[in-house]
């Protein structure tokens, strides 16, 4: 398997977890890992991701509650495969 295919499959897994656990219309995952290679704590096995989420439900609750919900769903990933997560909840 190519690294790109594994990454794509992993992002699909993340997407599925979010959609299965939170009421979302759409989620886009952007890999920003390459922009962090010079950081001292950089780990090539962990991702720097940006999530662009469309969700009327998440927009109806507080931003903190929405982010906590997302972090809870992705907890094991944050412990193992995700170094940084930027969350954008769109209207």
N, C-alpha and C. Protein backbone atom coordinates (compact mmCIF):
# COMPACT_ATOMS: atom_id res chain seq x y z
N UNK A 1 0.82 -1.21 0.00
CA UNK A 1 0.00 0.00 0.00
C UNK A 1 0.86 1.26 0.00
N UNK A 2 0.41 2.22 -0.73
CA UNK A 2 1.16 3.48 -0.74
C UNK A 2 0.76 4.29 0.50
N UNK A 3 1.65 5.14 0.93
CA UNK A 3 1.39 6.00 2.08
C UNK A 3 0.15 6.88 1.84
N UNK A 4 0.00 7.33 0.60
CA UNK A 4 -1.15 8.18 0.24
C UNK A 4 -2.47 7.43 0.42
N UNK A 5 -2.49 6.17 0.00
CA UNK A 5 -3.70 5.36 0.13
C UNK A 5 -4.03 5.11 1.60
N UNK A 6 -3.01 4.78 2.39
CA UNK A 6 -3.22 4.57 3.82
C UNK A 6 -3.76 5.83 4.48
N UNK A 7 -3.20 6.97 4.10
CA UNK A 7 -3.62 8.25 4.65
C UNK A 7 -5.08 8.52 4.27
N UNK A 8 -5.41 8.29 3.01
CA UNK A 8 -6.76 8.51 2.53
C UNK A 8 -7.76 7.63 3.29
N UNK A 9 -7.39 6.36 3.47
CA UNK A 9 -8.24 5.44 4.22
C UNK A 9 -8.41 5.90 5.66
N UNK A 10 -7.33 6.38 6.26
CA UNK A 10 -7.38 6.86 7.63
C UNK A 10 -8.30 8.09 7.74
N UNK A 11 -8.21 9.00 6.79
CA UNK A 11 -9.07 10.18 6.81
C UNK A 11 -10.54 9.79 6.64
N UNK A 12 -10.79 8.75 5.84
CA UNK A 12 -12.17 8.25 5.69
C UNK A 12 -12.67 7.67 7.02
N UNK A 13 -11.78 7.00 7.75
CA UNK A 13 -12.12 6.47 9.08
C UNK A 13 -12.52 7.59 10.02
N UNK A 14 -11.73 8.66 10.02
CA UNK A 14 -12.01 9.81 10.88
C UNK A 14 -13.38 10.40 10.52
N UNK A 15 -13.59 10.58 9.23
CA UNK A 15 -14.85 11.13 8.72
C UNK A 15 -16.03 10.28 9.19
N UNK A 16 -15.90 8.96 9.05
CA UNK A 16 -16.96 8.03 9.43
C UNK A 16 -17.24 8.13 10.93
N UNK A 17 -16.19 8.18 11.74
CA UNK A 17 -16.36 8.30 13.20
C UNK A 17 -17.17 9.55 13.54
N UNK A 18 -16.80 10.67 12.93
CA UNK A 18 -17.47 11.93 13.21
C UNK A 18 -18.93 11.89 12.77
N UNK A 19 -19.17 11.40 11.56
CA UNK A 19 -20.53 11.34 11.02
C UNK A 19 -21.41 10.36 11.79
N UNK A 20 -20.81 9.25 12.25
CA UNK A 20 -21.57 8.26 13.02
C UNK A 20 -21.93 8.74 14.42
N UNK A 21 -21.13 9.65 14.97
CA UNK A 21 -21.30 10.06 16.37
C UNK A 21 -21.87 11.45 16.59
N UNK A 22 -21.81 12.29 15.56
CA UNK A 22 -22.28 13.67 15.70
C UNK A 22 -23.16 13.99 14.49
N UNK A 23 -24.18 14.79 14.72
CA UNK A 23 -25.10 15.17 13.66
C UNK A 23 -24.42 16.22 12.75
N UNK A 24 -23.85 15.74 11.63
CA UNK A 24 -23.11 16.61 10.71
C UNK A 24 -23.71 16.55 9.32
N UNK A 25 -23.61 17.64 8.59
CA UNK A 25 -23.99 17.61 7.18
C UNK A 25 -22.78 17.21 6.33
N UNK A 26 -21.60 17.70 6.72
CA UNK A 26 -20.41 17.40 5.93
C UNK A 26 -19.16 17.66 6.76
N UNK A 27 -18.09 16.95 6.41
CA UNK A 27 -16.80 17.19 7.04
C UNK A 27 -15.71 17.05 5.99
N UNK A 28 -14.83 18.04 5.96
CA UNK A 28 -13.69 18.01 5.05
C UNK A 28 -12.43 17.96 5.91
N UNK A 29 -11.52 17.05 5.57
CA UNK A 29 -10.28 16.91 6.33
C UNK A 29 -9.13 17.40 5.47
N UNK A 30 -8.38 18.36 6.02
CA UNK A 30 -7.24 18.92 5.30
C UNK A 30 -5.97 18.55 6.07
N UNK A 31 -5.02 17.98 5.37
CA UNK A 31 -3.77 17.57 5.99
C UNK A 31 -2.75 18.71 5.89
N UNK A 32 -2.42 19.31 7.03
CA UNK A 32 -1.45 20.41 7.07
C UNK A 32 -0.10 19.96 7.64
N UNK A 33 0.11 18.65 7.70
CA UNK A 33 1.32 18.10 8.31
C UNK A 33 2.60 18.68 7.71
N UNK A 34 2.63 18.81 6.38
CA UNK A 34 3.86 19.27 5.71
C UNK A 34 4.30 20.65 6.16
N UNK A 35 3.37 21.46 6.69
CA UNK A 35 3.71 22.82 7.11
C UNK A 35 4.39 22.85 8.49
N UNK A 36 4.48 21.69 9.15
CA UNK A 36 4.99 21.65 10.52
C UNK A 36 6.29 20.87 10.66
N UNK A 37 6.88 20.51 9.53
CA UNK A 37 8.09 19.68 9.56
C UNK A 37 9.25 20.31 10.32
N UNK A 38 9.32 21.62 10.38
CA UNK A 38 10.44 22.29 11.04
C UNK A 38 10.24 22.43 12.55
N UNK A 39 9.05 22.09 13.04
CA UNK A 39 8.78 22.22 14.48
C UNK A 39 9.58 21.21 15.29
N UNK A 40 10.02 21.63 16.46
CA UNK A 40 10.84 20.79 17.32
C UNK A 40 10.11 19.50 17.72
N UNK A 41 8.82 19.60 17.97
CA UNK A 41 8.05 18.43 18.42
C UNK A 41 7.47 17.63 17.25
N UNK A 42 7.90 17.93 16.02
CA UNK A 42 7.36 17.25 14.84
C UNK A 42 7.59 15.74 14.90
N UNK A 43 6.52 14.99 14.64
CA UNK A 43 6.59 13.53 14.59
C UNK A 43 6.01 13.11 13.25
N UNK A 44 6.82 12.51 12.37
CA UNK A 44 6.32 12.14 11.04
C UNK A 44 5.19 11.11 11.07
N UNK A 45 4.98 10.46 12.21
CA UNK A 45 3.91 9.46 12.32
C UNK A 45 2.59 10.08 12.76
N UNK A 46 2.61 11.38 13.06
CA UNK A 46 1.38 12.04 13.52
C UNK A 46 0.98 13.17 12.58
N UNK A 47 -0.32 13.35 12.46
CA UNK A 47 -0.88 14.33 11.53
C UNK A 47 -1.21 15.65 12.19
N UNK A 48 -1.14 16.71 11.40
CA UNK A 48 -1.65 18.03 11.75
C UNK A 48 -2.85 18.22 10.84
N UNK A 49 -4.03 18.17 11.41
CA UNK A 49 -5.23 18.19 10.58
C UNK A 49 -6.09 19.41 10.84
N UNK A 50 -6.79 19.80 9.79
CA UNK A 50 -7.80 20.85 9.88
C UNK A 50 -9.11 20.20 9.49
N UNK A 51 -10.12 20.39 10.33
CA UNK A 51 -11.45 19.87 10.02
C UNK A 51 -12.34 21.04 9.67
N UNK A 52 -12.99 20.95 8.52
CA UNK A 52 -14.00 21.94 8.16
C UNK A 52 -15.33 21.20 8.23
N UNK A 53 -16.12 21.57 9.21
CA UNK A 53 -17.35 20.84 9.49
C UNK A 53 -18.57 21.71 9.22
N UNK A 54 -19.53 21.13 8.53
CA UNK A 54 -20.83 21.78 8.33
C UNK A 54 -21.81 21.03 9.21
N UNK A 55 -22.40 21.75 10.16
CA UNK A 55 -23.33 21.10 11.07
C UNK A 55 -24.23 22.13 11.73
N UNK A 56 -25.51 22.04 11.38
CA UNK A 56 -26.49 22.93 12.02
C UNK A 56 -26.52 22.62 13.51
N UNK A 57 -26.41 21.34 13.85
CA UNK A 57 -26.43 20.94 15.27
C UNK A 57 -25.27 21.57 16.05
N UNK A 58 -24.04 21.42 15.54
CA UNK A 58 -22.88 21.97 16.26
C UNK A 58 -22.96 23.49 16.34
N UNK A 59 -23.57 24.11 15.35
CA UNK A 59 -23.75 25.56 15.38
C UNK A 59 -24.80 25.98 16.40
N UNK A 60 -25.65 25.04 16.81
CA UNK A 60 -26.71 25.37 17.76
C UNK A 60 -26.24 25.26 19.21
N UNK A 61 -25.05 24.69 19.45
CA UNK A 61 -24.52 24.58 20.80
C UNK A 61 -23.28 25.48 20.92
N UNK A 62 -22.76 25.62 22.13
CA UNK A 62 -21.59 26.50 22.29
C UNK A 62 -20.38 25.93 21.57
N UNK A 63 -19.50 26.82 21.16
CA UNK A 63 -18.29 26.42 20.44
C UNK A 63 -17.46 25.43 21.27
N UNK A 64 -17.34 25.70 22.57
CA UNK A 64 -16.58 24.83 23.47
C UNK A 64 -17.22 23.44 23.52
N UNK A 65 -18.53 23.39 23.66
CA UNK A 65 -19.23 22.09 23.71
C UNK A 65 -19.04 21.32 22.41
N UNK A 66 -19.12 22.04 21.30
CA UNK A 66 -18.95 21.42 19.98
C UNK A 66 -17.53 20.84 19.86
N UNK A 67 -16.53 21.63 20.25
CA UNK A 67 -15.15 21.15 20.15
C UNK A 67 -14.89 19.98 21.08
N UNK A 68 -15.44 20.03 22.29
CA UNK A 68 -15.28 18.92 23.24
C UNK A 68 -15.88 17.64 22.67
N UNK A 69 -17.03 17.77 22.02
CA UNK A 69 -17.70 16.62 21.43
C UNK A 69 -16.82 15.99 20.34
N UNK A 70 -16.25 16.83 19.50
CA UNK A 70 -15.37 16.36 18.41
C UNK A 70 -14.13 15.69 18.99
N UNK A 71 -13.53 16.34 20.01
CA UNK A 71 -12.31 15.80 20.63
C UNK A 71 -12.60 14.45 21.30
N UNK A 72 -13.77 14.31 21.90
CA UNK A 72 -14.14 13.06 22.57
C UNK A 72 -14.24 11.93 21.54
N UNK A 73 -14.88 12.21 20.41
CA UNK A 73 -15.02 11.20 19.35
C UNK A 73 -13.64 10.78 18.82
N UNK A 74 -12.73 11.73 18.74
CA UNK A 74 -11.40 11.45 18.18
C UNK A 74 -10.32 11.21 19.24
N UNK A 75 -10.73 10.96 20.48
CA UNK A 75 -9.77 10.83 21.57
C UNK A 75 -8.65 9.83 21.28
N UNK A 76 -8.98 8.62 20.86
CA UNK A 76 -7.92 7.61 20.63
C UNK A 76 -6.99 8.05 19.50
N UNK A 77 -7.55 8.74 18.50
CA UNK A 77 -6.72 9.24 17.39
C UNK A 77 -5.79 10.35 17.87
N UNK A 78 -6.30 11.20 18.75
CA UNK A 78 -5.49 12.29 19.29
C UNK A 78 -4.35 11.73 20.15
N UNK A 79 -4.59 10.59 20.78
CA UNK A 79 -3.56 9.95 21.59
C UNK A 79 -2.48 9.27 20.73
N UNK A 80 -2.88 8.84 19.53
CA UNK A 80 -1.95 8.01 18.75
C UNK A 80 -1.50 8.59 17.41
N UNK A 81 -2.43 9.17 16.63
CA UNK A 81 -2.10 9.53 15.25
C UNK A 81 -2.22 11.01 14.90
N UNK A 82 -2.89 11.78 15.77
CA UNK A 82 -3.08 13.20 15.46
C UNK A 82 -2.33 14.05 16.48
N UNK A 83 -1.41 14.88 15.97
CA UNK A 83 -0.64 15.76 16.85
C UNK A 83 -1.38 17.07 17.09
N UNK A 84 -2.00 17.61 16.04
CA UNK A 84 -2.69 18.89 16.15
C UNK A 84 -3.99 18.85 15.35
N UNK A 85 -5.00 19.51 15.90
CA UNK A 85 -6.31 19.51 15.26
C UNK A 85 -6.88 20.91 15.28
N UNK A 86 -7.15 21.44 14.10
CA UNK A 86 -7.77 22.75 13.97
C UNK A 86 -9.20 22.50 13.53
N UNK A 87 -10.15 23.04 14.28
CA UNK A 87 -11.56 22.76 14.00
C UNK A 87 -12.25 24.04 13.55
N UNK A 88 -12.86 23.97 12.37
CA UNK A 88 -13.64 25.10 11.85
C UNK A 88 -15.06 24.59 11.65
N UNK A 89 -15.99 25.18 12.37
CA UNK A 89 -17.39 24.81 12.21
C UNK A 89 -18.05 25.91 11.40
N UNK A 90 -18.50 25.52 10.21
CA UNK A 90 -19.05 26.49 9.28
C UNK A 90 -20.56 26.58 9.42
N UNK A 91 -21.09 27.73 9.07
CA UNK A 91 -22.55 27.96 9.13
C UNK A 91 -23.26 27.11 8.12
